[in-house]
């Protein structure tokens, strides 16, 4: 006995990527779905990490298009920023807030940006002064990187001044 040679591209095509994609076992499909879920969870965790907000006992759970966030933060503003950071991720329809706050404060309003909005227009509507857009920008960092870059559908927080 020894090594037998065959033509690689001749014969049955059961080992091709196309054939494998067409005939996936339930176990393979379940493994791929779990891997995709883990990737989403990793990305959501990185969204939280990129805010720079310290969250004690952070836990995230993802069920379809709803992310549940658990943990503890120092200020209400941190809690609101976390909710907005997660909620403004494509594919997330709702955030189930289970975050506790060390120091209770009045909650800010959330506002959905509409076409034609700017931070100065929103500041004028809520505060009566378009120049208070700077306070809105600061209140929404790190979600906003530039005061002139907001987009329709995005949610921002409107703190009480």
N, C-alpha and C. Protein backbone atom coordinates (compact mmCIF):
# COMPACT_ATOMS: atom_id res chain seq x y z
N UNK A 1 0.83 -1.17 0.00
CA UNK A 1 0.00 0.00 0.00
C UNK A 1 0.88 1.24 0.00
N UNK A 2 0.30 2.32 -0.48
CA UNK A 2 1.06 3.54 -0.52
C UNK A 2 0.14 4.72 -0.79
N UNK A 3 0.69 5.76 -1.27
CA UNK A 3 -0.05 6.99 -1.56
C UNK A 3 -0.62 6.89 -2.96
N UNK A 4 -1.92 7.12 -3.10
CA UNK A 4 -2.59 7.09 -4.40
C UNK A 4 -2.90 8.52 -4.82
N UNK A 5 -2.66 8.86 -6.03
CA UNK A 5 -2.92 10.20 -6.55
C UNK A 5 -4.22 10.23 -7.32
N UNK A 6 -4.96 11.36 -7.21
CA UNK A 6 -6.21 11.56 -7.92
C UNK A 6 -6.23 12.98 -8.46
N UNK A 7 -7.12 13.23 -9.41
CA UNK A 7 -7.31 14.58 -9.91
C UNK A 7 -8.15 15.35 -8.89
N UNK A 8 -7.62 16.40 -8.39
CA UNK A 8 -8.25 17.17 -7.30
C UNK A 8 -9.62 17.72 -7.70
N UNK A 9 -9.78 18.18 -8.92
CA UNK A 9 -11.02 18.83 -9.34
C UNK A 9 -12.00 17.90 -10.02
N UNK A 10 -11.74 16.61 -10.01
CA UNK A 10 -12.66 15.65 -10.61
C UNK A 10 -13.42 14.93 -9.50
N UNK A 11 -14.55 14.36 -9.84
CA UNK A 11 -15.28 13.56 -8.87
C UNK A 11 -16.36 14.35 -8.14
N UNK A 12 -16.87 13.76 -7.09
CA UNK A 12 -17.96 14.33 -6.29
C UNK A 12 -17.52 15.65 -5.67
N UNK A 13 -18.45 16.59 -5.61
CA UNK A 13 -18.14 17.94 -5.10
C UNK A 13 -18.61 18.13 -3.66
N UNK A 14 -18.60 17.11 -2.85
CA UNK A 14 -19.13 17.22 -1.49
C UNK A 14 -18.24 18.02 -0.56
N UNK A 15 -16.98 18.25 -0.88
CA UNK A 15 -16.08 18.97 0.01
C UNK A 15 -15.87 20.43 -0.38
N UNK A 16 -16.69 20.94 -1.27
CA UNK A 16 -16.55 22.35 -1.66
C UNK A 16 -17.26 23.25 -0.67
N UNK A 17 -16.88 24.51 -0.63
CA UNK A 17 -17.55 25.48 0.25
C UNK A 17 -19.01 25.63 -0.12
N UNK A 18 -19.29 25.60 -1.41
CA UNK A 18 -20.68 25.75 -1.86
C UNK A 18 -21.53 24.58 -1.36
N UNK A 19 -21.03 23.37 -1.47
CA UNK A 19 -21.78 22.20 -1.00
C UNK A 19 -21.95 22.26 0.51
N UNK A 20 -20.92 22.67 1.21
CA UNK A 20 -21.00 22.77 2.67
C UNK A 20 -22.03 23.82 3.09
N UNK A 21 -22.10 24.93 2.34
CA UNK A 21 -23.06 25.98 2.66
C UNK A 21 -24.49 25.52 2.41
N UNK A 22 -24.68 24.69 1.39
CA UNK A 22 -26.02 24.21 1.06
C UNK A 22 -26.53 23.16 2.05
N UNK A 23 -25.63 22.37 2.59
CA UNK A 23 -26.04 21.28 3.47
C UNK A 23 -25.35 21.47 4.82
N UNK A 24 -25.98 22.25 5.67
CA UNK A 24 -25.42 22.46 7.01
C UNK A 24 -26.23 21.66 8.01
N UNK A 25 -25.53 20.98 8.85
CA UNK A 25 -26.22 20.22 9.89
C UNK A 25 -26.78 21.19 10.91
N UNK A 26 -27.80 20.79 11.66
CA UNK A 26 -28.33 21.66 12.71
C UNK A 26 -27.26 22.05 13.73
N UNK A 27 -26.32 21.15 13.99
CA UNK A 27 -25.26 21.45 14.94
C UNK A 27 -24.37 22.58 14.42
N UNK A 28 -24.04 22.54 13.13
CA UNK A 28 -23.20 23.59 12.53
C UNK A 28 -23.95 24.92 12.55
N UNK A 29 -25.23 24.90 12.20
CA UNK A 29 -26.01 26.13 12.22
C UNK A 29 -26.06 26.72 13.64
N UNK A 30 -26.27 25.86 14.63
CA UNK A 30 -26.31 26.33 16.02
C UNK A 30 -24.97 26.91 16.44
N UNK A 31 -23.87 26.27 16.03
CA UNK A 31 -22.54 26.77 16.37
C UNK A 31 -22.30 28.14 15.72
N UNK A 32 -22.71 28.29 14.46
CA UNK A 32 -22.53 29.58 13.78
C UNK A 32 -23.37 30.67 14.43
N UNK A 33 -24.61 30.36 14.81
CA UNK A 33 -25.45 31.34 15.47
C UNK A 33 -24.86 31.75 16.81
N UNK A 34 -24.34 30.79 17.56
CA UNK A 34 -23.73 31.11 18.86
C UNK A 34 -22.47 31.95 18.67
N UNK A 35 -21.67 31.63 17.66
CA UNK A 35 -20.47 32.42 17.37
C UNK A 35 -20.86 33.85 17.00
N UNK A 36 -21.89 34.00 16.18
CA UNK A 36 -22.35 35.34 15.77
C UNK A 36 -22.85 36.11 17.00
N UNK A 37 -23.58 35.45 17.89
CA UNK A 37 -24.06 36.07 19.12
C UNK A 37 -22.89 36.54 19.98
N UNK A 38 -21.86 35.70 20.10
CA UNK A 38 -20.68 36.08 20.89
C UNK A 38 -19.97 37.28 20.27
N UNK A 39 -19.91 37.32 18.95
CA UNK A 39 -19.29 38.47 18.28
C UNK A 39 -20.08 39.74 18.59
N UNK A 40 -21.41 39.66 18.54
CA UNK A 40 -22.25 40.82 18.85
C UNK A 40 -22.02 41.27 20.29
N UNK A 41 -21.95 40.31 21.21
CA UNK A 41 -21.73 40.65 22.61
C UNK A 41 -20.38 41.33 22.81
N UNK A 42 -19.36 40.82 22.13
CA UNK A 42 -18.03 41.43 22.20
C UNK A 42 -18.08 42.87 21.68
N UNK A 43 -18.78 43.09 20.58
CA UNK A 43 -18.88 44.43 20.02
C UNK A 43 -19.66 45.37 20.93
N UNK A 44 -20.75 44.88 21.53
CA UNK A 44 -21.51 45.71 22.46
C UNK A 44 -20.67 46.06 23.68
N UNK A 45 -19.90 45.11 24.17
CA UNK A 45 -19.00 45.37 25.31
C UNK A 45 -17.98 46.43 24.93
N UNK A 46 -17.48 46.37 23.69
CA UNK A 46 -16.51 47.39 23.26
C UNK A 46 -17.16 48.76 23.14
N UNK A 47 -18.44 48.82 22.81
CA UNK A 47 -19.16 50.10 22.78
C UNK A 47 -19.17 50.71 24.19
N UNK A 48 -19.47 49.87 25.18
CA UNK A 48 -19.47 50.34 26.57
C UNK A 48 -18.06 50.77 26.98
N UNK A 49 -17.07 49.94 26.67
CA UNK A 49 -15.68 50.26 27.03
C UNK A 49 -15.23 51.58 26.41
N UNK A 50 -15.65 51.84 25.18
CA UNK A 50 -15.24 53.05 24.47
C UNK A 50 -15.87 54.32 25.05
N UNK A 51 -16.90 54.18 25.87
CA UNK A 51 -17.46 55.38 26.51
C UNK A 51 -16.54 55.92 27.58
N UNK A 52 -15.70 55.04 28.14
CA UNK A 52 -14.81 55.46 29.21
C UNK A 52 -15.51 55.53 30.56
N UNK A 53 -16.76 55.14 30.61
CA UNK A 53 -17.52 55.18 31.85
C UNK A 53 -17.21 53.92 32.66
N UNK A 54 -16.91 54.12 33.93
CA UNK A 54 -16.61 52.99 34.80
C UNK A 54 -17.93 52.38 35.27
N UNK A 55 -18.09 51.08 34.98
CA UNK A 55 -19.30 50.36 35.35
C UNK A 55 -18.90 49.17 36.22
N UNK A 56 -19.37 49.17 37.45
CA UNK A 56 -19.11 48.02 38.33
C UNK A 56 -20.04 46.89 37.94
N UNK A 57 -19.50 45.67 37.94
CA UNK A 57 -20.30 44.47 37.70
C UNK A 57 -21.08 44.53 36.38
N UNK A 58 -20.43 45.01 35.34
CA UNK A 58 -21.09 45.12 34.04
C UNK A 58 -21.45 43.74 33.50
N UNK A 59 -22.69 43.61 33.08
CA UNK A 59 -23.15 42.42 32.38
C UNK A 59 -24.07 42.87 31.26
N UNK A 60 -23.95 42.22 30.12
CA UNK A 60 -24.81 42.49 28.99
C UNK A 60 -25.48 41.19 28.57
N UNK A 61 -26.71 41.31 28.11
CA UNK A 61 -27.41 40.15 27.57
C UNK A 61 -28.10 40.61 26.30
N UNK A 62 -28.11 39.77 25.30
CA UNK A 62 -28.70 40.13 24.02
C UNK A 62 -29.77 39.12 23.67
N UNK A 63 -30.96 39.62 23.42
CA UNK A 63 -32.07 38.77 23.01
C UNK A 63 -32.70 39.42 21.79
N UNK A 64 -32.46 38.84 20.64
CA UNK A 64 -32.89 39.40 19.36
C UNK A 64 -32.33 40.81 19.20
N UNK A 65 -33.19 41.83 19.22
CA UNK A 65 -32.72 43.21 19.01
C UNK A 65 -32.79 44.04 20.30
N UNK A 66 -32.87 43.34 21.45
CA UNK A 66 -32.89 44.02 22.74
C UNK A 66 -31.65 43.66 23.54
N UNK A 67 -30.95 44.69 24.01
CA UNK A 67 -29.79 44.45 24.87
C UNK A 67 -30.19 44.85 26.30
N UNK A 68 -29.91 43.94 27.23
CA UNK A 68 -30.14 44.23 28.64
C UNK A 68 -28.79 44.53 29.27
N UNK A 69 -28.71 45.63 30.00
CA UNK A 69 -27.45 46.05 30.61
C UNK A 69 -27.63 46.12 32.12
N UNK A 70 -26.71 45.44 32.82
CA UNK A 70 -26.68 45.41 34.28
C UNK A 70 -25.39 46.06 34.74
N UNK A 71 -25.40 46.64 35.92
CA UNK A 71 -24.19 47.19 36.49
C UNK A 71 -24.51 48.34 37.42
N UNK A 72 -23.45 49.00 37.84
CA UNK A 72 -23.60 50.13 38.76
C UNK A 72 -22.66 51.24 38.33
N UNK A 73 -23.19 52.46 38.27
CA UNK A 73 -22.40 53.64 37.90
C UNK A 73 -22.56 54.70 38.99
N UNK A 74 -21.71 55.70 38.94
CA UNK A 74 -21.73 56.74 39.97
C UNK A 74 -22.83 57.77 39.76
N UNK A 75 -23.05 58.19 38.48
CA UNK A 75 -23.97 59.30 38.22
C UNK A 75 -25.05 58.90 37.23
N UNK A 76 -26.19 59.57 37.34
CA UNK A 76 -27.30 59.35 36.41
C UNK A 76 -26.87 59.65 34.97
N UNK A 77 -26.04 60.68 34.79
CA UNK A 77 -25.58 61.02 33.44
C UNK A 77 -24.80 59.86 32.82
N UNK A 78 -24.02 59.15 33.63
CA UNK A 78 -23.28 57.99 33.11
C UNK A 78 -24.25 56.89 32.67
N UNK A 79 -25.27 56.66 33.46
CA UNK A 79 -26.29 55.66 33.12
C UNK A 79 -26.95 56.02 31.79
N UNK A 80 -27.34 57.27 31.65
CA UNK A 80 -28.01 57.71 30.43
C UNK A 80 -27.10 57.61 29.22
N UNK A 81 -25.83 57.95 29.40
CA UNK A 81 -24.87 57.84 28.29
C UNK A 81 -24.69 56.38 27.86
N UNK A 82 -24.65 55.48 28.82
CA UNK A 82 -24.53 54.06 28.49
C UNK A 82 -25.73 53.58 27.70
N UNK A 83 -26.92 53.94 28.15
CA UNK A 83 -28.14 53.53 27.46
C UNK A 83 -28.14 54.06 26.03
N UNK A 84 -27.79 55.33 25.87
CA UNK A 84 -27.75 55.92 24.53
C UNK A 84 -26.68 55.30 23.66
N UNK A 85 -25.52 55.01 24.23
CA UNK A 85 -24.44 54.40 23.45
C UNK A 85 -24.86 53.04 22.91
N UNK A 86 -25.53 52.25 23.74
CA UNK A 86 -25.99 50.93 23.30
C UNK A 86 -27.18 51.05 22.36
N UNK A 87 -28.09 51.95 22.65
CA UNK A 87 -29.29 52.09 21.84
C UNK A 87 -29.04 52.67 20.46
N UNK A 88 -27.96 53.41 20.31
CA UNK A 88 -27.63 53.98 19.02
C UNK A 88 -26.74 53.07 18.17
N UNK A 89 -26.71 51.78 18.50
CA UNK A 89 -26.00 50.79 17.70
C UNK A 89 -26.99 50.21 16.69
N UNK A 90 -26.60 50.14 15.44
CA UNK A 90 -27.46 49.54 14.42
C UNK A 90 -27.82 48.12 14.79
N UNK A 91 -29.09 47.77 14.62
CA UNK A 91 -29.56 46.44 14.96
C UNK A 91 -30.13 46.32 16.36
N UNK A 92 -29.95 47.36 17.17
CA UNK A 92 -30.51 47.36 18.53
C UNK A 92 -31.77 48.23 18.51
N UNK A 93 -32.91 47.62 18.89
CA UNK A 93 -34.18 48.35 18.89
C UNK A 93 -34.54 48.87 20.27
N UNK A 94 -34.02 48.19 21.32
CA UNK A 94 -34.34 48.65 22.66
C UNK A 94 -33.26 48.24 23.64
N UNK A 95 -33.16 49.03 24.71
CA UNK A 95 -32.21 48.76 25.79
C UNK A 95 -33.01 48.57 27.07
N UNK A 96 -32.84 47.40 27.68
CA UNK A 96 -33.48 47.11 28.96
C UNK A 96 -32.49 47.53 30.05
N UNK A 97 -32.82 48.62 30.72
CA UNK A 97 -31.92 49.24 31.70
C UNK A 97 -32.07 48.56 33.06
N UNK A 98 -30.99 47.96 33.52
CA UNK A 98 -30.94 47.37 34.86
C UNK A 98 -29.75 47.95 35.62
N UNK A 99 -29.39 49.18 35.30
CA UNK A 99 -28.22 49.84 35.89
C UNK A 99 -28.65 50.57 37.16
N UNK A 100 -27.90 50.38 38.22
CA UNK A 100 -28.16 51.15 39.44
C UNK A 100 -27.18 52.32 39.50
N UNK A 101 -27.60 53.37 40.21
CA UNK A 101 -26.82 54.61 40.28
C UNK A 101 -26.49 54.89 41.74
N UNK A 102 -25.21 55.23 42.01
CA UNK A 102 -24.80 55.56 43.38
C UNK A 102 -25.49 56.82 43.88
N UNK A 103 -25.56 57.83 43.02
CA UNK A 103 -26.12 59.12 43.42
C UNK A 103 -27.31 59.44 42.51
N UNK A 104 -28.50 59.36 43.06
CA UNK A 104 -29.70 59.65 42.27
C UNK A 104 -29.77 61.14 41.96
N UNK A 105 -30.13 61.44 40.73
CA UNK A 105 -30.30 62.81 40.26
C UNK A 105 -31.52 62.83 39.35
N UNK A 106 -32.02 64.01 39.02
CA UNK A 106 -33.12 64.06 38.05
C UNK A 106 -32.66 63.51 36.70
N UNK A 107 -33.51 62.73 36.10
CA UNK A 107 -33.19 62.13 34.80
C UNK A 107 -33.30 63.18 33.70
N UNK A 108 -32.46 63.01 32.70
CA UNK A 108 -32.54 63.88 31.52
C UNK A 108 -33.62 63.32 30.59
N UNK A 109 -34.08 64.16 29.68
CA UNK A 109 -34.99 63.69 28.63
C UNK A 109 -34.15 63.10 27.51
N UNK A 110 -34.73 62.15 26.80
CA UNK A 110 -34.10 61.64 25.59
C UNK A 110 -34.84 62.25 24.40
N UNK A 111 -34.09 62.58 23.37
CA UNK A 111 -34.66 63.22 22.19
C UNK A 111 -34.18 62.48 20.95
N UNK A 112 -35.10 62.19 20.04
CA UNK A 112 -34.74 61.55 18.77
C UNK A 112 -34.52 62.65 17.74
N UNK A 113 -33.32 62.68 17.20
CA UNK A 113 -32.95 63.70 16.22
C UNK A 113 -33.78 63.51 14.95
N UNK A 114 -34.28 64.64 14.43
CA UNK A 114 -35.07 64.63 13.20
C UNK A 114 -34.28 65.30 12.08
N UNK A 115 -34.69 65.02 10.87
CA UNK A 115 -34.05 65.63 9.71
C UNK A 115 -34.10 67.15 9.84
N UNK A 116 -32.98 67.80 9.62
CA UNK A 116 -32.90 69.25 9.71
C UNK A 116 -32.51 69.76 11.09
N UNK A 117 -32.46 68.87 12.07
CA UNK A 117 -32.06 69.28 13.42
C UNK A 117 -30.57 69.59 13.50
N UNK A 118 -30.24 70.45 14.43
CA UNK A 118 -28.85 70.71 14.81
C UNK A 118 -28.87 70.87 16.32
N UNK A 119 -27.72 70.77 16.94
CA UNK A 119 -27.69 70.94 18.39
C UNK A 119 -28.16 72.33 18.79
N UNK A 120 -27.87 73.33 17.98
CA UNK A 120 -28.33 74.69 18.33
C UNK A 120 -29.85 74.80 18.22
N UNK A 121 -30.46 74.14 17.23
CA UNK A 121 -31.93 74.16 17.13
C UNK A 121 -32.56 73.44 18.31
N UNK A 122 -31.97 72.35 18.69
CA UNK A 122 -32.49 71.58 19.82
C UNK A 122 -32.32 72.38 21.11
N UNK A 123 -31.15 73.05 21.26
CA UNK A 123 -30.90 73.87 22.45
C UNK A 123 -31.91 75.02 22.53
N UNK A 124 -32.21 75.62 21.40
CA UNK A 124 -33.20 76.71 21.39
C UNK A 124 -34.57 76.18 21.82
N UNK A 125 -34.95 74.98 21.31
CA UNK A 125 -36.25 74.41 21.63
C UNK A 125 -36.36 74.08 23.12
N UNK A 126 -35.31 73.51 23.72
CA UNK A 126 -35.39 73.06 25.11
C UNK A 126 -34.94 74.10 26.12
N UNK A 127 -33.97 74.94 25.73
CA UNK A 127 -33.41 75.89 26.70
C UNK A 127 -33.71 77.34 26.36
N UNK A 128 -34.27 77.58 25.16
CA UNK A 128 -34.56 78.95 24.75
C UNK A 128 -33.33 79.71 24.27
N UNK A 129 -32.20 79.06 24.14
CA UNK A 129 -30.95 79.71 23.74
C UNK A 129 -30.14 78.76 22.85
N UNK A 130 -29.99 79.11 21.56
CA UNK A 130 -29.26 78.22 20.66
C UNK A 130 -27.78 78.07 21.03
N UNK A 131 -27.23 79.02 21.76
CA UNK A 131 -25.81 78.93 22.13
C UNK A 131 -25.56 77.87 23.21
N UNK A 132 -26.61 77.34 23.79
CA UNK A 132 -26.44 76.28 24.79
C UNK A 132 -26.22 74.92 24.13
N UNK A 133 -25.98 74.95 22.80
CA UNK A 133 -25.66 73.71 22.10
C UNK A 133 -24.39 73.08 22.68
N UNK A 134 -23.51 73.94 23.23
CA UNK A 134 -22.26 73.42 23.81
C UNK A 134 -22.55 72.52 25.02
N UNK A 135 -23.54 72.89 25.82
CA UNK A 135 -23.92 72.06 26.97
C UNK A 135 -24.52 70.74 26.48
N UNK A 136 -25.30 70.79 25.39
CA UNK A 136 -25.85 69.55 24.83
C UNK A 136 -24.73 68.65 24.32
N UNK A 137 -23.77 69.26 23.65
CA UNK A 137 -22.64 68.49 23.13
C UNK A 137 -21.88 67.82 24.27
N UNK A 138 -21.56 68.59 25.31
CA UNK A 138 -20.83 68.03 26.46
C UNK A 138 -21.63 66.93 27.14
N UNK A 139 -22.94 67.11 27.22
CA UNK A 139 -23.81 66.13 27.89
C UNK A 139 -23.89 64.82 27.12
N UNK A 140 -23.52 64.85 25.85
CA UNK A 140 -23.65 63.65 25.02
C UNK A 140 -22.31 63.06 24.58
N UNK A 141 -21.22 63.54 25.18
CA UNK A 141 -19.93 62.91 24.93
C UNK A 141 -19.90 61.59 25.68
N UNK A 142 -19.30 60.57 25.24
CA UNK A 142 -18.54 60.39 24.01
C UNK A 142 -19.39 59.95 22.83
N UNK A 143 -20.71 59.89 23.01
CA UNK A 143 -21.58 59.50 21.90
C UNK A 143 -21.37 60.43 20.72
N UNK A 144 -21.29 61.72 20.98
CA UNK A 144 -21.03 62.70 19.92
C UNK A 144 -19.56 63.07 19.93
N UNK A 145 -18.97 63.06 18.77
CA UNK A 145 -17.55 63.42 18.62
C UNK A 145 -17.39 64.84 18.09
N UNK A 146 -18.45 65.34 17.45
CA UNK A 146 -18.41 66.66 16.81
C UNK A 146 -19.81 67.26 16.93
N UNK A 147 -19.93 68.50 17.40
CA UNK A 147 -21.26 69.08 17.59
C UNK A 147 -22.06 69.23 16.29
N UNK A 148 -21.41 69.22 15.15
CA UNK A 148 -22.14 69.37 13.89
C UNK A 148 -22.49 68.03 13.26
N UNK A 149 -22.15 66.93 13.92
CA UNK A 149 -22.40 65.61 13.34
C UNK A 149 -23.41 64.83 14.18
N UNK A 150 -24.68 65.17 13.94
CA UNK A 150 -25.77 64.38 14.50
C UNK A 150 -26.59 63.90 13.31
N UNK A 151 -27.36 62.84 13.47
CA UNK A 151 -28.09 62.32 12.32
C UNK A 151 -29.50 61.90 12.73
N UNK A 152 -30.43 61.96 11.78
CA UNK A 152 -31.81 61.58 12.07
C UNK A 152 -31.90 60.15 12.61
N UNK A 153 -32.73 59.99 13.64
CA UNK A 153 -32.90 58.68 14.26
C UNK A 153 -32.02 58.47 15.47
N UNK A 154 -30.95 59.24 15.57
CA UNK A 154 -30.04 59.14 16.71
C UNK A 154 -30.75 59.71 17.94
N UNK A 155 -30.51 59.11 19.09
CA UNK A 155 -31.07 59.65 20.33
C UNK A 155 -29.96 60.34 21.11
N UNK A 156 -30.33 61.49 21.68
CA UNK A 156 -29.40 62.21 22.53
C UNK A 156 -30.11 62.53 23.84
N UNK A 157 -29.32 62.91 24.84
CA UNK A 157 -29.91 63.27 26.12
C UNK A 157 -29.98 64.79 26.25
N UNK A 158 -31.06 65.23 26.86
CA UNK A 158 -31.28 66.65 27.10
C UNK A 158 -31.34 66.84 28.62
N UNK A 159 -30.19 67.15 29.24
CA UNK A 159 -30.20 67.30 30.71
C UNK A 159 -30.89 68.58 31.12
N UNK A 160 -31.39 68.55 32.32
CA UNK A 160 -31.98 69.76 32.89
C UNK A 160 -30.86 70.70 33.28
N UNK A 161 -30.97 71.97 32.90
CA UNK A 161 -29.93 72.96 33.26
C UNK A 161 -30.39 73.80 34.42
